[in-house]
Amino acid sequence: MEISSLIVTYSGIWWVLFFIFLPIGASSEGNKPSNAASGFFSGKKLLIVSLLAFPISFFIIYIISTSSLDI
């Protein structure tokens, strides 16, 4: 697999996980409208998503590289 394919695979998985983790821990406050959330973004989420994206992307890359299909 080329390096560009590895980067695209990792970044695609990273974005999917980021959007999954984004609403976790969000809470709304009384002064704001009900659809506005506080605590929506944190560096902790970035770290968790980045750490989870590595093994998932390597697993998917391993499955793709060992598959018997010639695509």
PDB file of N, CA and C in Angstrom:
ATOM      1  N   MET A   1       0.833  -1.168   0.000  1.00  0.00           N
ATOM      2  CA  MET A   1       0.000   0.000   0.000  1.00  0.00           C
ATOM      3  C   MET A   1       0.886   1.242   0.000  1.00  0.00           C
ATOM      4  N   GLU A   2       0.502   2.223  -0.735  1.00  0.00           N
ATOM      5  CA  GLU A   2       1.270   3.451  -0.779  1.00  0.00           C
ATOM      6  C   GLU A   2       0.992   4.315   0.454  1.00  0.00           C
ATOM      7  N   ILE A   3       1.904   5.222   0.720  1.00  0.00           N
ATOM      8  CA  ILE A   3       1.779   6.085   1.892  1.00  0.00           C
ATOM      9  C   ILE A   3       0.533   6.969   1.816  1.00  0.00           C
ATOM     10  N   SER A   4       0.171   7.388   0.624  1.00  0.00           N
ATOM     11  CA  SER A   4      -1.030   8.217   0.491  1.00  0.00           C
ATOM     12  C   SER A   4      -2.285   7.427   0.842  1.00  0.00           C
ATOM     13  N   SER A   5      -2.313   6.151   0.511  1.00  0.00           N
ATOM     14  CA  SER A   5      -3.457   5.309   0.872  1.00  0.00           C
ATOM     15  C   SER A   5      -3.549   5.122   2.383  1.00  0.00           C
ATOM     16  N   LEU A   6      -2.406   4.990   3.031  1.00  0.00           N
ATOM     17  CA  LEU A   6      -2.392   4.853   4.481  1.00  0.00           C
ATOM     18  C   LEU A   6      -2.894   6.122   5.166  1.00  0.00           C
ATOM     19  N   ILE A   7      -2.475   7.257   4.660  1.00  0.00           N
ATOM     20  CA  ILE A   7      -2.897   8.540   5.245  1.00  0.00           C
ATOM     21  C   ILE A   7      -4.391   8.765   5.052  1.00  0.00           C
ATOM     22  N   VAL A   8      -4.889   8.440   3.870  1.00  0.00           N
ATOM     23  CA  VAL A   8      -6.315   8.616   3.602  1.00  0.00           C
ATOM     24  C   VAL A   8      -7.150   7.671   4.454  1.00  0.00           C
ATOM     25  N   THR A   9      -6.700   6.442   4.618  1.00  0.00           N
ATOM     26  CA  THR A   9      -7.419   5.488   5.454  1.00  0.00           C
ATOM     27  C   THR A   9      -7.467   5.952   6.903  1.00  0.00           C
ATOM     28  N   TYR A  10      -6.315   6.368   7.440  1.00  0.00           N
ATOM     29  CA  TYR A  10      -6.267   6.841   8.820  1.00  0.00           C
ATOM     30  C   TYR A  10      -7.140   8.077   9.019  1.00  0.00           C
ATOM     31  N   SER A  11      -7.038   9.039   8.108  1.00  0.00           N
ATOM     32  CA  SER A  11      -7.808  10.268   8.295  1.00  0.00           C
ATOM     33  C   SER A  11      -9.307  10.031   8.138  1.00  0.00           C
ATOM     34  N   GLY A  12      -9.690   9.145   7.263  1.00  0.00           N
ATOM     35  CA  GLY A  12     -11.118   8.820   7.134  1.00  0.00           C
ATOM     36  C   GLY A  12     -11.674   8.185   8.392  1.00  0.00           C
ATOM     37  N   ILE A  13     -10.926   7.250   8.958  1.00  0.00           N
ATOM     38  CA  ILE A  13     -11.357   6.615  10.209  1.00  0.00           C
ATOM     39  C   ILE A  13     -11.333   7.618  11.346  1.00  0.00           C
ATOM     40  N   TRP A  14     -10.337   8.509  11.357  1.00  0.00           N
ATOM     41  CA  TRP A  14     -10.248   9.526  12.402  1.00  0.00           C
ATOM     42  C   TRP A  14     -11.479  10.423  12.394  1.00  0.00           C
ATOM     43  N   TRP A  15     -11.897  10.884  11.218  1.00  0.00           N
ATOM     44  CA  TRP A  15     -13.065  11.771  11.127  1.00  0.00           C
ATOM     45  C   TRP A  15     -14.345  11.063  11.547  1.00  0.00           C
ATOM     46  N   VAL A  16     -14.499   9.802  11.168  1.00  0.00           N
ATOM     47  CA  VAL A  16     -15.697   9.051  11.572  1.00  0.00           C
ATOM     48  C   VAL A  16     -15.734   8.932  13.091  1.00  0.00           C
ATOM     49  N   LEU A  17     -14.619   8.554  13.699  1.00  0.00           N
ATOM     50  CA  LEU A  17     -14.574   8.448  15.155  1.00  0.00           C
ATOM     51  C   LEU A  17     -14.763   9.801  15.830  1.00  0.00           C
ATOM     52  N   PHE A  18     -14.216  10.855  15.242  1.00  0.00           N
ATOM     53  CA  PHE A  18     -14.375  12.190  15.824  1.00  0.00           C
ATOM     54  C   PHE A  18     -15.846  12.587  15.878  1.00  0.00           C
ATOM     55  N   PHE A  19     -16.575  12.338  14.808  1.00  0.00           N
ATOM     56  CA  PHE A  19     -17.991  12.697  14.806  1.00  0.00           C
ATOM     57  C   PHE A  19     -18.812  11.784  15.707  1.00  0.00           C
ATOM     58  N   ILE A  20     -18.335  10.578  15.968  1.00  0.00           N
ATOM     59  CA  ILE A  20     -19.009   9.703  16.925  1.00  0.00           C
ATOM     60  C   ILE A  20     -18.789  10.222  18.351  1.00  0.00           C
ATOM     61  N   PHE A  21     -17.553  10.636  18.669  1.00  0.00           N
ATOM     62  CA  PHE A  21     -17.215  11.075  20.023  1.00  0.00           C
ATOM     63  C   PHE A  21     -17.593  12.519  20.308  1.00  0.00           C
ATOM     64  N   LEU A  22     -17.874  13.305  19.301  1.00  0.00           N
ATOM     65  CA  LEU A  22     -18.129  14.735  19.489  1.00  0.00           C
ATOM     66  C   LEU A  22     -19.282  15.035  20.455  1.00  0.00           C
ATOM     67  N   PRO A  23     -20.432  14.381  20.352  1.00  0.00           N
ATOM     68  CA  PRO A  23     -21.514  14.746  21.280  1.00  0.00           C
ATOM     69  C   PRO A  23     -21.380  14.146  22.677  1.00  0.00           C
ATOM     70  N   ILE A  24     -20.419  13.267  22.907  1.00  0.00           N
ATOM     71  CA  ILE A  24     -20.262  12.643  24.218  1.00  0.00           C
ATOM     72  C   ILE A  24     -19.772  13.682  25.215  1.00  0.00           C
ATOM     73  N   GLY A  25     -20.480  13.810  26.318  1.00  0.00           N
ATOM     74  CA  GLY A  25     -20.102  14.751  27.365  1.00  0.00           C
ATOM     75  C   GLY A  25     -20.593  16.163  27.154  1.00  0.00           C
ATOM     76  N   ALA A  26     -21.359  16.415  26.129  1.00  0.00           N
ATOM     77  CA  ALA A  26     -21.892  17.758  25.889  1.00  0.00           C
ATOM     78  C   ALA A  26     -23.078  17.997  26.814  1.00  0.00           C
ATOM     79  N   SER A  27     -23.121  19.195  27.380  1.00  0.00           N
ATOM     80  CA  SER A  27     -24.235  19.539  28.263  1.00  0.00           C
ATOM     81  C   SER A  27     -24.715  20.943  27.925  1.00  0.00           C
ATOM     82  N   SER A  28     -26.005  21.166  28.034  1.00  0.00           N
ATOM     83  CA  SER A  28     -26.551  22.488  27.746  1.00  0.00           C
ATOM     84  C   SER A  28     -26.761  23.244  29.058  1.00  0.00           C
ATOM     85  N   GLU A  29     -26.655  24.564  28.992  1.00  0.00           N
ATOM     86  CA  GLU A  29     -26.831  25.409  30.174  1.00  0.00           C
ATOM     87  C   GLU A  29     -28.132  26.182  30.060  1.00  0.00           C
ATOM     88  N   GLY A  30     -28.591  26.783  31.168  1.00  0.00           N
ATOM     89  CA  GLY A  30     -29.862  27.476  31.204  1.00  0.00           C
ATOM     90  C   GLY A  30     -29.899  28.777  30.412  1.00  0.00           C
ATOM     91  N   ASN A  31     -28.819  29.532  30.335  1.00  0.00           N
ATOM     92  CA  ASN A  31     -28.807  30.818  29.657  1.00  0.00           C
ATOM     93  C   ASN A  31     -28.839  30.695  28.141  1.00  0.00           C
ATOM     94  N   LYS A  32     -28.341  29.626  27.646  1.00  0.00           N
ATOM     95  CA  LYS A  32     -28.236  29.452  26.200  1.00  0.00           C
ATOM     96  C   LYS A  32     -29.504  28.798  25.660  1.00  0.00           C
ATOM     97  N   PRO A  33     -29.714  28.927  24.361  1.00  0.00           N
ATOM     98  CA  PRO A  33     -30.829  28.191  23.760  1.00  0.00           C
ATOM     99  C   PRO A  33     -30.645  26.691  23.962  1.00  0.00           C
ATOM    100  N   SER A  34     -31.724  25.959  23.920  1.00  0.00           N
ATOM    101  CA  SER A  34     -31.670  24.534  24.255  1.00  0.00           C
ATOM    102  C   SER A  34     -30.830  23.715  23.277  1.00  0.00           C
ATOM    103  N   ASN A  35     -30.624  24.213  22.062  1.00  0.00           N
ATOM    104  CA  ASN A  35     -29.834  23.432  21.116  1.00  0.00           C
ATOM    105  C   ASN A  35     -28.348  23.776  21.159  1.00  0.00           C
ATOM    106  N   ALA A  36     -27.936  24.771  21.944  1.00  0.00           N
ATOM    107  CA  ALA A  36     -26.526  25.119  22.079  1.00  0.00           C
ATOM    108  C   ALA A  36     -25.935  24.317  23.234  1.00  0.00           C
ATOM    109  N   ALA A  37     -24.730  23.806  23.043  1.00  0.00           N
ATOM    110  CA  ALA A  37     -24.122  22.970  24.070  1.00  0.00           C
ATOM    111  C   ALA A  37     -22.799  23.572  24.527  1.00  0.00           C
ATOM    112  N   SER A  38     -22.495  23.361  25.790  1.00  0.00           N
ATOM    113  CA  SER A  38     -21.194  23.782  26.303  1.00  0.00           C
ATOM    114  C   SER A  38     -20.362  22.537  26.586  1.00  0.00           C
ATOM    115  N   GLY A  39     -19.067  22.695  26.607  1.00  0.00           N
ATOM    116  CA  GLY A  39     -18.199  21.544  26.822  1.00  0.00           C
ATOM    117  C   GLY A  39     -18.228  20.589  25.644  1.00  0.00           C
ATOM    118  N   PHE A  40     -18.465  21.131  24.471  1.00  0.00           N
ATOM    119  CA  PHE A  40     -18.680  20.296  23.292  1.00  0.00           C
ATOM    120  C   PHE A  40     -17.375  19.798  22.709  1.00  0.00           C
ATOM    121  N   PHE A  41     -16.292  20.516  22.941  1.00  0.00           N
ATOM    122  CA  PHE A  41     -15.020  20.198  22.320  1.00  0.00           C
ATOM    123  C   PHE A  41     -13.923  20.203  23.368  1.00  0.00           C
ATOM    124  N   SER A  42     -13.088  19.182  23.366  1.00  0.00           N
ATOM    125  CA  SER A  42     -11.971  19.162  24.301  1.00  0.00           C
ATOM    126  C   SER A  42     -10.794  18.426  23.681  1.00  0.00           C
ATOM    127  N   GLY A  43      -9.621  18.711  24.195  1.00  0.00           N
ATOM    128  CA  GLY A  43      -8.416  18.037  23.719  1.00  0.00           C
ATOM    129  C   GLY A  43      -8.400  16.568  24.083  1.00  0.00           C
ATOM    130  N   LYS A  44      -9.123  16.230  25.145  1.00  0.00           N
ATOM    131  CA  LYS A  44      -9.202  14.831  25.556  1.00  0.00           C
ATOM    132  C   LYS A  44      -9.877  13.975  24.478  1.00  0.00           C
ATOM    133  N   LYS A  45     -10.881  14.536  23.844  1.00  0.00           N
ATOM    134  CA  LYS A  45     -11.555  13.821  22.761  1.00  0.00           C
ATOM    135  C   LYS A  45     -10.621  13.601  21.586  1.00  0.00           C
ATOM    136  N   LEU A  46      -9.801  14.611  21.274  1.00  0.00           N
ATOM    137  CA  LEU A  46      -8.837  14.478  20.179  1.00  0.00           C
ATOM    138  C   LEU A  46      -7.835  13.365  20.466  1.00  0.00           C
ATOM    139  N   LEU A  47      -7.370  13.286  21.696  1.00  0.00           N
ATOM    140  CA  LEU A  47      -6.417  12.255  22.065  1.00  0.00           C
ATOM    141  C   LEU A  47      -7.039  10.866  21.987  1.00  0.00           C
ATOM    142  N   ILE A  48      -8.248  10.712  22.503  1.00  0.00           N
ATOM    143  CA  ILE A  48      -8.920   9.418  22.474  1.00  0.00           C
ATOM    144  C   ILE A  48      -9.177   8.980  21.039  1.00  0.00           C
ATOM    145  N   VAL A  49      -9.667   9.890  20.223  1.00  0.00           N
ATOM    146  CA  VAL A  49      -9.950   9.563  18.822  1.00  0.00           C
ATOM    147  C   VAL A  49      -8.671   9.195  18.087  1.00  0.00           C
ATOM    148  N   SER A  50      -7.601   9.934  18.321  1.00  0.00           N
ATOM    149  CA  SER A  50      -6.334   9.647  17.649  1.00  0.00           C
ATOM    150  C   SER A  50      -5.778   8.289  18.060  1.00  0.00           C
ATOM    151  N   LEU A  51      -5.883   7.964  19.343  1.00  0.00           N
ATOM    152  CA  LEU A  51      -5.388   6.675  19.814  1.00  0.00           C
ATOM    153  C   LEU A  51      -6.245   5.510  19.324  1.00  0.00           C
ATOM    154  N   LEU A  52      -7.527   5.712  19.200  1.00  0.00           N
ATOM    155  CA  LEU A  52      -8.396   4.642  18.693  1.00  0.00           C
ATOM    156  C   LEU A  52      -8.283   4.460  17.191  1.00  0.00           C
ATOM    157  N   ALA A  53      -7.973   5.514  16.480  1.00  0.00           N
ATOM    158  CA  ALA A  53      -7.903   5.431  15.020  1.00  0.00           C
ATOM    159  C   ALA A  53      -6.715   4.601  14.551  1.00  0.00           C
ATOM    160  N   PHE A  54      -5.610   4.588  15.303  1.00  0.00           N
ATOM    161  CA  PHE A  54      -4.438   3.818  14.893  1.00  0.00           C
ATOM    162  C   PHE A  54      -4.717   2.321  14.783  1.00  0.00           C
ATOM    163  N   PRO A  55      -5.167   1.648  15.849  1.00  0.00           N
ATOM    164  CA  PRO A  55      -5.373   0.197  15.703  1.00  0.00           C
ATOM    165  C   PRO A  55      -6.490  -0.167  14.727  1.00  0.00           C
ATOM    166  N   ILE A  56      -7.527   0.664  14.672  1.00  0.00           N
ATOM    167  CA  ILE A  56      -8.612   0.370  13.737  1.00  0.00           C
ATOM    168  C   ILE A  56      -8.139   0.507  12.302  1.00  0.00           C
ATOM    169  N   SER A  57      -7.375   1.560  12.013  1.00  0.00           N
ATOM    170  CA  SER A  57      -6.888   1.750  10.649  1.00  0.00           C
ATOM    171  C   SER A  57      -5.868   0.676  10.279  1.00  0.00           C
ATOM    172  N   PHE A  58      -4.997   0.283  11.203  1.00  0.00           N
ATOM    173  CA  PHE A  58      -4.046  -0.778  10.892  1.00  0.00           C
ATOM    174  C   PHE A  58      -4.739  -2.110  10.673  1.00  0.00           C
ATOM    175  N   PHE A  59      -5.814  -2.374  11.415  1.00  0.00           N
ATOM    176  CA  PHE A  59      -6.587  -3.594  11.197  1.00  0.00           C
ATOM    177  C   PHE A  59      -7.224  -3.596   9.811  1.00  0.00           C
ATOM    178  N   ILE A  60      -7.807  -2.484   9.415  1.00  0.00           N
ATOM    179  CA  ILE A  60      -8.433  -2.392   8.092  1.00  0.00           C
ATOM    180  C   ILE A  60      -7.378  -2.489   6.997  1.00  0.00           C
ATOM    181  N   ILE A  61      -6.231  -1.853   7.195  1.00  0.00           N
ATOM    182  CA  ILE A  61      -5.151  -1.942   6.215  1.00  0.00           C
ATOM    183  C   ILE A  61      -4.636  -3.375   6.116  1.00  0.00           C
ATOM    184  N   TYR A  62      -4.546  -4.067   7.248  1.00  0.00           N
ATOM    185  CA  TYR A  62      -4.117  -5.469   7.237  1.00  0.00           C
ATOM    186  C   TYR A  62      -5.112  -6.337   6.471  1.00  0.00           C
ATOM    187  N   ILE A  63      -6.396  -6.122   6.702  1.00  0.00           N
ATOM    188  CA  ILE A  63      -7.432  -6.895   5.987  1.00  0.00           C
ATOM    189  C   ILE A  63      -7.347  -6.627   4.490  1.00  0.00           C
ATOM    190  N   ILE A  64      -7.171  -5.387   4.109  1.00  0.00           N
ATOM    191  CA  ILE A  64      -7.094  -5.046   2.685  1.00  0.00           C
ATOM    192  C   ILE A  64      -5.844  -5.653   2.047  1.00  0.00           C
ATOM    193  N   SER A  65      -4.716  -5.579   2.747  1.00  0.00           N
ATOM    194  CA  SER A  65      -3.463  -6.059   2.142  1.00  0.00           C
ATOM    195  C   SER A  65      -3.373  -7.578   2.097  1.00  0.00           C
ATOM    196  N   THR A  66      -4.081  -8.282   2.966  1.00  0.00           N
ATOM    197  CA  THR A  66      -4.026  -9.748   2.951  1.00  0.00           C
ATOM    198  C   THR A  66      -5.198 -10.379   2.226  1.00  0.00           C
ATOM    199  N   SER A  67      -6.092  -9.578   1.703  1.00  0.00           N
ATOM    200  CA  SER A  67      -7.235 -10.152   0.999  1.00  0.00           C
ATOM    201  C   SER A  67      -6.768 -10.800  -0.312  1.00  0.00           C
ATOM    202  N   SER A  68      -7.485 -11.813  -0.714  1.00  0.00           N
ATOM    203  CA  SER A  68      -7.105 -12.534  -1.932  1.00  0.00           C
ATOM    204  C   SER A  68      -7.696 -11.898  -3.190  1.00  0.00           C
ATOM    205  N   LEU A  69      -8.448 -10.837  -3.022  1.00  0.00           N
ATOM    206  CA  LEU A  69      -9.038 -10.160  -4.174  1.00  0.00           C
ATOM    207  C   LEU A  69      -8.024  -9.236  -4.822  1.00  0.00           C
ATOM    208  N   ASP A  70      -7.936  -9.270  -6.105  1.00  0.00           N
ATOM    209  CA  ASP A  70      -7.077  -8.342  -6.833  1.00  0.00           C
ATOM    210  C   ASP A  70      -7.914  -7.193  -7.341  1.00  0.00           C
ATOM    211  N   ILE A  71      -7.844  -6.082  -6.623  1.00  0.00           N
ATOM    212  CA  ILE A  71      -8.646  -4.915  -6.992  1.00  0.00           C
ATOM    213  C   ILE A  71      -7.746  -3.884  -7.607  1.00  0.00           C
TER     214      ILE A  71
END
